[in-house]
Amino acid sequence: NLQLRQPIFLGDGRSVVSTSPQEGFL
């Protein structure tokens, strides 16, 4: 479908809390 694979950032207004995909999701 020509969608760019990319990580997703999870953050609040100040910082990056985590980045997905998360560990264990294979």
mmCIF file of all heavy atoms, coordinates in Angstrom:
data_MODEL
# 
_entry.id   MODEL 
# 
loop_
_atom_site.group_PDB 
_atom_site.id 
_atom_site.type_symbol 
_atom_site.label_atom_id 
_atom_site.label_alt_id 
_atom_site.label_comp_id 
_atom_site.label_asym_id 
_atom_site.label_entity_id 
_atom_site.label_seq_id 
_atom_site.pdbx_PDB_ins_code 
_atom_site.Cartn_x 
_atom_site.Cartn_y 
_atom_site.Cartn_z 
_atom_site.occupancy 
_atom_site.B_iso_or_equiv 
_atom_site.pdbx_formal_charge 
_atom_site.auth_seq_id 
_atom_site.auth_comp_id 
_atom_site.auth_asym_id 
_atom_site.auth_atom_id 
_atom_site.pdbx_PDB_model_num 
ATOM 1   N N   . ASN A 1 1  ? 0.806  -1.230  0.000  1.00 0.00 ? 1  ASN A N   1 
ATOM 2   C CA  . ASN A 1 1  ? 0.000  0.000   0.000  1.00 0.00 ? 1  ASN A CA  1 
ATOM 3   C C   . ASN A 1 1  ? 0.839  1.280   0.000  1.00 0.00 ? 1  ASN A C   1 
ATOM 4   O O   . ASN A 1 1  ? 0.291  2.364   0.138  1.00 0.00 ? 1  ASN A O   1 
ATOM 5   C CB  . ASN A 1 1  ? -0.960 0.011   1.191  1.00 0.00 ? 1  ASN A CB  1 
ATOM 6   C CG  . ASN A 1 1  ? -0.234 -0.022  2.533  1.00 0.00 ? 1  ASN A CG  1 
ATOM 7   O OD1 . ASN A 1 1  ? 0.996  0.023   2.603  1.00 0.00 ? 1  ASN A OD1 1 
ATOM 8   N ND2 . ASN A 1 1  ? -1.003 -0.109  3.604  1.00 0.00 ? 1  ASN A ND2 1 
ATOM 9   N N   . LEU A 1 2  ? 2.171  1.156   -0.141 1.00 0.00 ? 2  LEU A N   1 
ATOM 10  C CA  . LEU A 1 2  ? 3.079  2.307   -0.244 1.00 0.00 ? 2  LEU A CA  1 
ATOM 11  C C   . LEU A 1 2  ? 3.054  3.194   0.997  1.00 0.00 ? 2  LEU A C   1 
ATOM 12  O O   . LEU A 1 2  ? 3.261  4.396   0.922  1.00 0.00 ? 2  LEU A O   1 
ATOM 13  C CB  . LEU A 1 2  ? 2.776  3.132   -1.494 1.00 0.00 ? 2  LEU A CB  1 
ATOM 14  C CG  . LEU A 1 2  ? 2.876  2.371   -2.819 1.00 0.00 ? 2  LEU A CG  1 
ATOM 15  C CD1 . LEU A 1 2  ? 2.637  3.321   -3.991 1.00 0.00 ? 2  LEU A CD1 1 
ATOM 16  C CD2 . LEU A 1 2  ? 4.226  1.673   -2.949 1.00 0.00 ? 2  LEU A CD2 1 
ATOM 17  N N   . GLN A 1 3  ? 2.812  2.579   2.153  1.00 0.00 ? 3  GLN A N   1 
ATOM 18  C CA  . GLN A 1 3  ? 2.911  3.275   3.429  1.00 0.00 ? 3  GLN A CA  1 
ATOM 19  C C   . GLN A 1 3  ? 4.327  3.121   3.968  1.00 0.00 ? 3  GLN A C   1 
ATOM 20  O O   . GLN A 1 3  ? 4.880  2.021   3.989  1.00 0.00 ? 3  GLN A O   1 
ATOM 21  C CB  . GLN A 1 3  ? 1.915  2.705   4.439  1.00 0.00 ? 3  GLN A CB  1 
ATOM 22  C CG  . GLN A 1 3  ? 2.114  3.181   5.872  1.00 0.00 ? 3  GLN A CG  1 
ATOM 23  C CD  . GLN A 1 3  ? 1.910  4.674   6.044  1.00 0.00 ? 3  GLN A CD  1 
ATOM 24  O OE1 . GLN A 1 3  ? 0.873  5.203   5.650  1.00 0.00 ? 3  GLN A OE1 1 
ATOM 25  N NE2 . GLN A 1 3  ? 2.876  5.358   6.622  1.00 0.00 ? 3  GLN A NE2 1 
ATOM 26  N N   . LEU A 1 4  ? 4.932  4.220   4.410  1.00 0.00 ? 4  LEU A N   1 
ATOM 27  C CA  . LEU A 1 4  ? 6.271  4.163   4.973  1.00 0.00 ? 4  LEU A CA  1 
ATOM 28  C C   . LEU A 1 4  ? 6.237  3.516   6.351  1.00 0.00 ? 4  LEU A C   1 
ATOM 29  O O   . LEU A 1 4  ? 5.514  3.963   7.240  1.00 0.00 ? 4  LEU A O   1 
ATOM 30  C CB  . LEU A 1 4  ? 6.862  5.568   5.078  1.00 0.00 ? 4  LEU A CB  1 
ATOM 31  C CG  . LEU A 1 4  ? 8.339  5.641   5.492  1.00 0.00 ? 4  LEU A CG  1 
ATOM 32  C CD1 . LEU A 1 4  ? 9.236  5.121   4.370  1.00 0.00 ? 4  LEU A CD1 1 
ATOM 33  C CD2 . LEU A 1 4  ? 8.714  7.076   5.856  1.00 0.00 ? 4  LEU A CD2 1 
ATOM 34  N N   . ARG A 1 5  ? 7.013  2.449   6.522  1.00 0.00 ? 5  ARG A N   1 
ATOM 35  C CA  . ARG A 1 5  ? 7.173  1.853   7.846  1.00 0.00 ? 5  ARG A CA  1 
ATOM 36  C C   . ARG A 1 5  ? 7.952  2.838   8.725  1.00 0.00 ? 5  ARG A C   1 
ATOM 37  O O   . ARG A 1 5  ? 8.958  3.392   8.291  1.00 0.00 ? 5  ARG A O   1 
ATOM 38  C CB  . ARG A 1 5  ? 7.959  0.549   7.755  1.00 0.00 ? 5  ARG A CB  1 
ATOM 39  C CG  . ARG A 1 5  ? 7.287  -0.561  6.968  1.00 0.00 ? 5  ARG A CG  1 
ATOM 40  C CD  . ARG A 1 5  ? 8.199  -1.779  6.944  1.00 0.00 ? 5  ARG A CD  1 
ATOM 41  N NE  . ARG A 1 5  ? 7.576  -2.927  6.326  1.00 0.00 ? 5  ARG A NE  1 
ATOM 42  C CZ  . ARG A 1 5  ? 7.720  -3.275  5.044  1.00 0.00 ? 5  ARG A CZ  1 
ATOM 43  N NH1 . ARG A 1 5  ? 8.488  -2.536  4.253  1.00 0.00 ? 5  ARG A NH1 1 
ATOM 44  N NH2 . ARG A 1 5  ? 7.126  -4.336  4.567  1.00 0.00 ? 5  ARG A NH2 1 
ATOM 45  N N   . GLN A 1 6  ? 7.495  2.999   9.960  1.00 0.00 ? 6  GLN A N   1 
ATOM 46  C CA  . GLN A 1 6  ? 8.190  3.933   10.850 1.00 0.00 ? 6  GLN A CA  1 
ATOM 47  C C   . GLN A 1 6  ? 7.786  3.692   12.291 1.00 0.00 ? 6  GLN A C   1 
ATOM 48  O O   . GLN A 1 6  ? 6.663  3.256   12.567 1.00 0.00 ? 6  GLN A O   1 
ATOM 49  C CB  . GLN A 1 6  ? 7.870  5.375   10.463 1.00 0.00 ? 6  GLN A CB  1 
ATOM 50  C CG  . GLN A 1 6  ? 6.380  5.709   10.491 1.00 0.00 ? 6  GLN A CG  1 
ATOM 51  C CD  . GLN A 1 6  ? 6.078  7.049   9.854  1.00 0.00 ? 6  GLN A CD  1 
ATOM 52  O OE1 . GLN A 1 6  ? 6.378  8.084   10.421 1.00 0.00 ? 6  GLN A OE1 1 
ATOM 53  N NE2 . GLN A 1 6  ? 5.510  7.013   8.663  1.00 0.00 ? 6  GLN A NE2 1 
ATOM 54  N N   . PRO A 1 7  ? 8.676  3.976   13.235 1.00 0.00 ? 7  PRO A N   1 
ATOM 55  C CA  . PRO A 1 7  ? 8.312  3.901   14.652 1.00 0.00 ? 7  PRO A CA  1 
ATOM 56  C C   . PRO A 1 7  ? 7.307  4.994   15.004 1.00 0.00 ? 7  PRO A C   1 
ATOM 57  O O   . PRO A 1 7  ? 7.213  6.020   14.320 1.00 0.00 ? 7  PRO A O   1 
ATOM 58  C CB  . PRO A 1 7  ? 9.643  4.114   15.378 1.00 0.00 ? 7  PRO A CB  1 
ATOM 59  C CG  . PRO A 1 7  ? 10.698 3.915   14.348 1.00 0.00 ? 7  PRO A CG  1 
ATOM 60  C CD  . PRO A 1 7  ? 10.086 4.306   13.042 1.00 0.00 ? 7  PRO A CD  1 
ATOM 61  N N   . ILE A 1 8  ? 6.606  4.777   16.089 1.00 0.00 ? 8  ILE A N   1 
ATOM 62  C CA  . ILE A 1 8  ? 5.658  5.764   16.616 1.00 0.00 ? 8  ILE A CA  1 
ATOM 63  C C   . ILE A 1 8  ? 6.170  6.263   17.965 1.00 0.00 ? 8  ILE A C   1 
ATOM 64  O O   . ILE A 1 8  ? 6.469  5.474   18.867 1.00 0.00 ? 8  ILE A O   1 
ATOM 65  C CB  . ILE A 1 8  ? 4.252  5.149   16.776 1.00 0.00 ? 8  ILE A CB  1 
ATOM 66  C CG1 . ILE A 1 8  ? 3.693  4.724   15.416 1.00 0.00 ? 8  ILE A CG1 1 
ATOM 67  C CG2 . ILE A 1 8  ? 3.303  6.134   17.450 1.00 0.00 ? 8  ILE A CG2 1 
ATOM 68  C CD1 . ILE A 1 8  ? 3.544  5.854   14.405 1.00 0.00 ? 8  ILE A CD1 1 
ATOM 69  N N   . PHE A 1 9  ? 6.293  7.582   18.080 1.00 0.00 ? 9  PHE A N   1 
ATOM 70  C CA  . PHE A 1 9  ? 6.738  8.203   19.323 1.00 0.00 ? 9  PHE A CA  1 
ATOM 71  C C   . PHE A 1 9  ? 5.542  8.382   20.261 1.00 0.00 ? 9  PHE A C   1 
ATOM 72  O O   . PHE A 1 9  ? 4.451  8.762   19.824 1.00 0.00 ? 9  PHE A O   1 
ATOM 73  C CB  . PHE A 1 9  ? 7.362  9.568   19.049 1.00 0.00 ? 9  PHE A CB  1 
ATOM 74  C CG  . PHE A 1 9  ? 8.683  9.496   18.330 1.00 0.00 ? 9  PHE A CG  1 
ATOM 75  C CD1 . PHE A 1 9  ? 8.743  9.311   16.960 1.00 0.00 ? 9  PHE A CD1 1 
ATOM 76  C CD2 . PHE A 1 9  ? 9.877  9.609   19.027 1.00 0.00 ? 9  PHE A CD2 1 
ATOM 77  C CE1 . PHE A 1 9  ? 9.952  9.240   16.295 1.00 0.00 ? 9  PHE A CE1 1 
ATOM 78  C CE2 . PHE A 1 9  ? 11.095 9.539   18.377 1.00 0.00 ? 9  PHE A CE2 1 
ATOM 79  C CZ  . PHE A 1 9  ? 11.139 9.356   17.005 1.00 0.00 ? 9  PHE A CZ  1 
ATOM 80  N N   . LEU A 1 10 ? 5.768  8.137   21.535 1.00 0.00 ? 10 LEU A N   1 
ATOM 81  C CA  . LEU A 1 10 ? 4.750  8.365   22.561 1.00 0.00 ? 10 LEU A CA  1 
ATOM 82  C C   . LEU A 1 10 ? 5.302  9.406   23.516 1.00 0.00 ? 10 LEU A C   1 
ATOM 83  O O   . LEU A 1 10 ? 6.351  9.197   24.141 1.00 0.00 ? 10 LEU A O   1 
ATOM 84  C CB  . LEU A 1 10 ? 4.437  7.072   23.313 1.00 0.00 ? 10 LEU A CB  1 
ATOM 85  C CG  . LEU A 1 10 ? 4.042  5.871   22.442 1.00 0.00 ? 10 LEU A CG  1 
ATOM 86  C CD1 . LEU A 1 10 ? 3.977  4.609   23.272 1.00 0.00 ? 10 LEU A CD1 1 
ATOM 87  C CD2 . LEU A 1 10 ? 2.710  6.126   21.756 1.00 0.00 ? 10 LEU A CD2 1 
ATOM 88  N N   . GLY A 1 11 ? 4.608  10.531  23.612 1.00 0.00 ? 11 GLY A N   1 
ATOM 89  C CA  . GLY A 1 11 ? 5.142  11.598  24.443 1.00 0.00 ? 11 GLY A CA  1 
ATOM 90  C C   . GLY A 1 11 ? 4.074  12.480  25.033 1.00 0.00 ? 11 GLY A C   1 
ATOM 91  O O   . GLY A 1 11 ? 2.920  12.496  24.583 1.00 0.00 ? 11 GLY A O   1 
ATOM 92  N N   . ASP A 1 12 ? 4.459  13.222  26.038 1.00 0.00 ? 12 ASP A N   1 
ATOM 93  C CA  . ASP A 1 12 ? 3.599  14.269  26.582 1.00 0.00 ? 12 ASP A CA  1 
ATOM 94  C C   . ASP A 1 12 ? 4.098  15.594  26.022 1.00 0.00 ? 12 ASP A C   1 
ATOM 95  O O   . ASP A 1 12 ? 4.804  15.628  25.025 1.00 0.00 ? 12 ASP A O   1 
ATOM 96  C CB  . ASP A 1 12 ? 3.626  14.251  28.117 1.00 0.00 ? 12 ASP A CB  1 
ATOM 97  C CG  . ASP A 1 12 ? 5.042  14.366  28.676 1.00 0.00 ? 12 ASP A CG  1 
ATOM 98  O OD1 . ASP A 1 12 ? 5.966  14.698  27.904 1.00 0.00 ? 12 ASP A OD1 1 
ATOM 99  O OD2 . ASP A 1 12 ? 5.222  14.128  29.889 1.00 0.00 ? 12 ASP A OD2 1 
ATOM 100 N N   . GLY A 1 13 ? 3.755  16.675  26.639 1.00 0.00 ? 13 GLY A N   1 
ATOM 101 C CA  . GLY A 1 13 ? 4.168  17.966  26.113 1.00 0.00 ? 13 GLY A CA  1 
ATOM 102 C C   . GLY A 1 13 ? 5.624  18.307  26.343 1.00 0.00 ? 13 GLY A C   1 
ATOM 103 O O   . GLY A 1 13 ? 6.105  19.313  25.826 1.00 0.00 ? 13 GLY A O   1 
ATOM 104 N N   . ARG A 1 14 ? 6.352  17.468  27.117 1.00 0.00 ? 14 ARG A N   1 
ATOM 105 C CA  . ARG A 1 14 ? 7.713  17.810  27.491 1.00 0.00 ? 14 ARG A CA  1 
ATOM 106 C C   . ARG A 1 14 ? 8.765  16.832  26.978 1.00 0.00 ? 14 ARG A C   1 
ATOM 107 O O   . ARG A 1 14 ? 9.890  17.234  26.729 1.00 0.00 ? 14 ARG A O   1 
ATOM 108 C CB  . ARG A 1 14 ? 7.821  17.876  29.029 1.00 0.00 ? 14 ARG A CB  1 
ATOM 109 C CG  . ARG A 1 14 ? 6.814  18.775  29.705 1.00 0.00 ? 14 ARG A CG  1 
ATOM 110 C CD  . ARG A 1 14 ? 7.000  20.222  29.345 1.00 0.00 ? 14 ARG A CD  1 
ATOM 111 N NE  . ARG A 1 14 ? 8.296  20.730  29.764 1.00 0.00 ? 14 ARG A NE  1 
ATOM 112 C CZ  . ARG A 1 14 ? 8.724  21.962  29.511 1.00 0.00 ? 14 ARG A CZ  1 
ATOM 113 N NH1 . ARG A 1 14 ? 7.945  22.793  28.822 1.00 0.00 ? 14 ARG A NH1 1 
ATOM 114 N NH2 . ARG A 1 14 ? 9.919  22.361  29.913 1.00 0.00 ? 14 ARG A NH2 1 
ATOM 115 N N   . SER A 1 15 ? 8.421  15.557  26.856 1.00 0.00 ? 15 SER A N   1 
ATOM 116 C CA  . SER A 1 15 ? 9.454  14.577  26.553 1.00 0.00 ? 15 SER A CA  1 
ATOM 117 C C   . SER A 1 15 ? 8.878  13.360  25.840 1.00 0.00 ? 15 SER A C   1 
ATOM 118 O O   . SER A 1 15 ? 7.661  13.166  25.804 1.00 0.00 ? 15 SER A O   1 
ATOM 119 C CB  . SER A 1 15 ? 10.152 14.117  27.848 1.00 0.00 ? 15 SER A CB  1 
ATOM 120 O OG  . SER A 1 15 ? 9.226  13.436  28.676 1.00 0.00 ? 15 SER A OG  1 
ATOM 121 N N   . VAL A 1 16 ? 9.789  12.543  25.293 1.00 0.00 ? 16 VAL A N   1 
ATOM 122 C CA  . VAL A 1 16 ? 9.413  11.256  24.703 1.00 0.00 ? 16 VAL A CA  1 
ATOM 123 C C   . VAL A 1 16 ? 9.362  10.229  25.827 1.00 0.00 ? 16 VAL A C   1 
ATOM 124 O O   . VAL A 1 16 ? 10.361 9.995   26.517 1.00 0.00 ? 16 VAL A O   1 
ATOM 125 C CB  . VAL A 1 16 ? 10.433 10.820  23.627 1.00 0.00 ? 16 VAL A CB  1 
ATOM 126 C CG1 . VAL A 1 16 ? 10.052 9.452   23.068 1.00 0.00 ? 16 VAL A CG1 1 
ATOM 127 C CG2 . VAL A 1 16 ? 10.504 11.855  22.510 1.00 0.00 ? 16 VAL A CG2 1 
ATOM 128 N N   . VAL A 1 17 ? 8.210  9.618   26.015 1.00 0.00 ? 17 VAL A N   1 
ATOM 129 C CA  . VAL A 1 17 ? 8.045  8.613   27.062 1.00 0.00 ? 17 VAL A CA  1 
ATOM 130 C C   . VAL A 1 17 ? 8.530  7.251   26.582 1.00 0.00 ? 17 VAL A C   1 
ATOM 131 O O   . VAL A 1 17 ? 9.213  6.525   27.294 1.00 0.00 ? 17 VAL A O   1 
ATOM 132 C CB  . VAL A 1 17 ? 6.576  8.546   27.520 1.00 0.00 ? 17 VAL A CB  1 
ATOM 133 C CG1 . VAL A 1 17 ? 6.362  7.412   28.516 1.00 0.00 ? 17 VAL A CG1 1 
ATOM 134 C CG2 . VAL A 1 17 ? 6.140  9.877   28.124 1.00 0.00 ? 17 VAL A CG2 1 
ATOM 135 N N   . SER A 1 18 ? 8.188  6.904   25.336 1.00 0.00 ? 18 SER A N   1 
ATOM 136 C CA  . SER A 1 18 ? 8.594  5.621   24.784 1.00 0.00 ? 18 SER A CA  1 
ATOM 137 C C   . SER A 1 18 ? 8.448  5.678   23.268 1.00 0.00 ? 18 SER A C   1 
ATOM 138 O O   . SER A 1 18 ? 7.929  6.656   22.707 1.00 0.00 ? 18 SER A O   1 
ATOM 139 C CB  . SER A 1 18 ? 7.740  4.487   25.361 1.00 0.00 ? 18 SER A CB  1 
ATOM 140 O OG  . SER A 1 18 ? 8.205  3.231   24.908 1.00 0.00 ? 18 SER A OG  1 
ATOM 141 N N   . THR A 1 19 ? 8.922  4.628   22.616 1.00 0.00 ? 19 THR A N   1 
ATOM 142 C CA  . THR A 1 19 ? 8.801  4.515   21.171 1.00 0.00 ? 19 THR A CA  1 
ATOM 143 C C   . THR A 1 19 ? 8.338  3.105   20.828 1.00 0.00 ? 19 THR A C   1 
ATOM 144 O O   . THR A 1 19 ? 8.891  2.121   21.326 1.00 0.00 ? 19 THR A O   1 
ATOM 145 C CB  . THR A 1 19 ? 10.149 4.786   20.472 1.00 0.00 ? 19 THR A CB  1 
ATOM 146 O OG1 . THR A 1 19 ? 10.662 6.048   20.911 1.00 0.00 ? 19 THR A OG1 1 
ATOM 147 C CG2 . THR A 1 19 ? 9.981  4.818   18.961 1.00 0.00 ? 19 THR A CG2 1 
ATOM 148 N N   . SER A 1 20 ? 7.310  2.998   19.998 1.00 0.00 ? 20 SER A N   1 
ATOM 149 C CA  . SER A 1 20 ? 6.800  1.698   19.553 1.00 0.00 ? 20 SER A CA  1 
ATOM 150 C C   . SER A 1 20 ? 7.284  1.407   18.137 1.00 0.00 ? 20 SER A C   1 
ATOM 151 O O   . SER A 1 20 ? 7.520  2.334   17.361 1.00 0.00 ? 20 SER A O   1 
ATOM 152 C CB  . SER A 1 20 ? 5.265  1.697   19.601 1.00 0.00 ? 20 SER A CB  1 
ATOM 153 O OG  . SER A 1 20 ? 4.803  1.730   20.933 1.00 0.00 ? 20 SER A OG  1 
ATOM 154 N N   . PRO A 1 21 ? 7.462  0.117   17.757 1.00 0.00 ? 21 PRO A N   1 
ATOM 155 C CA  . PRO A 1 21 ? 6.958  -1.076  18.447 1.00 0.00 ? 21 PRO A CA  1 
ATOM 156 C C   . PRO A 1 21 ? 7.705  -1.382  19.733 1.00 0.00 ? 21 PRO A C   1 
ATOM 157 O O   . PRO A 1 21 ? 8.896  -1.129  19.852 1.00 0.00 ? 21 PRO A O   1 
ATOM 158 C CB  . PRO A 1 21 ? 7.151  -2.183  17.404 1.00 0.00 ? 21 PRO A CB  1 
ATOM 159 C CG  . PRO A 1 21 ? 8.242  -1.691  16.511 1.00 0.00 ? 21 PRO A CG  1 
ATOM 160 C CD  . PRO A 1 21 ? 8.091  -0.201  16.451 1.00 0.00 ? 21 PRO A CD  1 
ATOM 161 N N   . GLN A 1 22 ? 6.943  -1.941  20.684 1.00 0.00 ? 22 GLN A N   1 
ATOM 162 C CA  . GLN A 1 22 ? 7.497  -2.260  21.990 1.00 0.00 ? 22 GLN A CA  1 
ATOM 163 C C   . GLN A 1 22 ? 8.184  -3.623  21.973 1.00 0.00 ? 22 GLN A C   1 
ATOM 164 O O   . GLN A 1 22 ? 7.937  -4.467  21.104 1.00 0.00 ? 22 GLN A O   1 
ATOM 165 C CB  . GLN A 1 22 ? 6.370  -2.270  23.027 1.00 0.00 ? 22 GLN A CB  1 
ATOM 166 C CG  . GLN A 1 22 ? 5.701  -0.931  23.229 1.00 0.00 ? 22 GLN A CG  1 
ATOM 167 C CD  . GLN A 1 22 ? 6.615  0.101   23.861 1.00 0.00 ? 22 GLN A CD  1 
ATOM 168 O OE1 . GLN A 1 22 ? 7.369  -0.197  24.782 1.00 0.00 ? 22 GLN A OE1 1 
ATOM 169 N NE2 . GLN A 1 22 ? 6.537  1.347   23.372 1.00 0.00 ? 22 GLN A NE2 1 
ATOM 170 N N   . GLU A 1 23 ? 9.036  -3.820  22.940 1.00 0.00 ? 23 GLU A N   1 
ATOM 171 C CA  . GLU A 1 23 ? 9.722  -5.090  23.097 1.00 0.00 ? 23 GLU A CA  1 
ATOM 172 C C   . GLU A 1 23 ? 8.718  -6.225  23.271 1.00 0.00 ? 23 GLU A C   1 
ATOM 173 O O   . GLU A 1 23 ? 7.768  -6.115  24.039 1.00 0.00 ? 23 GLU A O   1 
ATOM 174 C CB  . GLU A 1 23 ? 10.646 -5.012  24.309 1.00 0.00 ? 23 GLU A CB  1 
ATOM 175 C CG  . GLU A 1 23 ? 11.437 -6.269  24.579 1.00 0.00 ? 23 GLU A CG  1 
ATOM 176 C CD  . GLU A 1 23 ? 12.298 -6.158  25.819 1.00 0.00 ? 23 GLU A CD  1 
ATOM 177 O OE1 . GLU A 1 23 ? 12.323 -5.050  26.418 1.00 0.00 ? 23 GLU A OE1 1 
ATOM 178 O OE2 . GLU A 1 23 ? 12.922 -7.158  26.186 1.00 0.00 ? 23 GLU A OE2 1 
ATOM 179 N N   . GLY A 1 24 ? 8.925  -7.298  22.535 1.00 0.00 ? 24 GLY A N   1 
ATOM 180 C CA  . GLY A 1 24 ? 8.053  -8.468  22.664 1.00 0.00 ? 24 GLY A CA  1 
ATOM 181 C C   . GLY A 1 24 ? 6.967  -8.572  21.619 1.00 0.00 ? 24 GLY A C   1 
ATOM 182 O O   . GLY A 1 24 ? 6.330  -9.623  21.497 1.00 0.00 ? 24 GLY A O   1 
ATOM 183 N N   . PHE A 1 25 ? 6.742  -7.496  20.851 1.00 0.00 ? 25 PHE A N   1 
ATOM 184 C CA  . PHE A 1 25 ? 5.748  -7.548  19.784 1.00 0.00 ? 25 PHE A CA  1 
ATOM 185 C C   . PHE A 1 25 ? 6.482  -7.879  18.482 1.00 0.00 ? 25 PHE A C   1 
ATOM 186 O O   . PHE A 1 25 ? 7.084  -7.007  17.844 1.00 0.00 ? 25 PHE A O   1 
ATOM 187 C CB  . PHE A 1 25 ? 4.990  -6.223  19.680 1.00 0.00 ? 25 PHE A CB  1 
ATOM 188 C CG  . PHE A 1 25 ? 4.092  -5.970  20.855 1.00 0.00 ? 25 PHE A CG  1 
ATOM 189 C CD1 . PHE A 1 25 ? 4.580  -5.357  22.002 1.00 0.00 ? 25 PHE A CD1 1 
ATOM 190 C CD2 . PHE A 1 25 ? 2.770  -6.362  20.831 1.00 0.00 ? 25 PHE A CD2 1 
ATOM 191 C CE1 . PHE A 1 25 ? 3.766  -5.128  23.096 1.00 0.00 ? 25 PHE A CE1 1 
ATOM 192 C CE2 . PHE A 1 25 ? 1.937  -6.144  21.922 1.00 0.00 ? 25 PHE A CE2 1 
ATOM 193 C CZ  . PHE A 1 25 ? 2.435  -5.523  23.055 1.00 0.00 ? 25 PHE A CZ  1 
ATOM 194 N N   . LEU A 1 26 ? 6.430  -9.135  18.093 1.00 0.00 ? 26 LEU A N   1 
ATOM 195 C CA  . LEU A 1 26 ? 7.256  -9.655  17.012 1.00 0.00 ? 26 LEU A CA  1 
ATOM 196 C C   . LEU A 1 26 ? 6.477  -9.771  15.708 1.00 0.00 ? 26 LEU A C   1 
ATOM 197 O O   . LEU A 1 26 ? 5.241  -9.817  15.692 1.00 0.00 ? 26 LEU A O   1 
ATOM 198 C CB  . LEU A 1 26 ? 7.829  -11.020 17.408 1.00 0.00 ? 26 LEU A CB  1 
ATOM 199 C CG  . LEU A 1 26 ? 8.602  -11.059 18.739 1.00 0.00 ? 26 LEU A CG  1 
ATOM 200 C CD1 . LEU A 1 26 ? 9.071  -12.476 19.036 1.00 0.00 ? 26 LEU A CD1 1 
ATOM 201 C CD2 . LEU A 1 26 ? 9.764  -10.087 18.715 1.00 0.00 ? 26 LEU A CD2 1 
# 
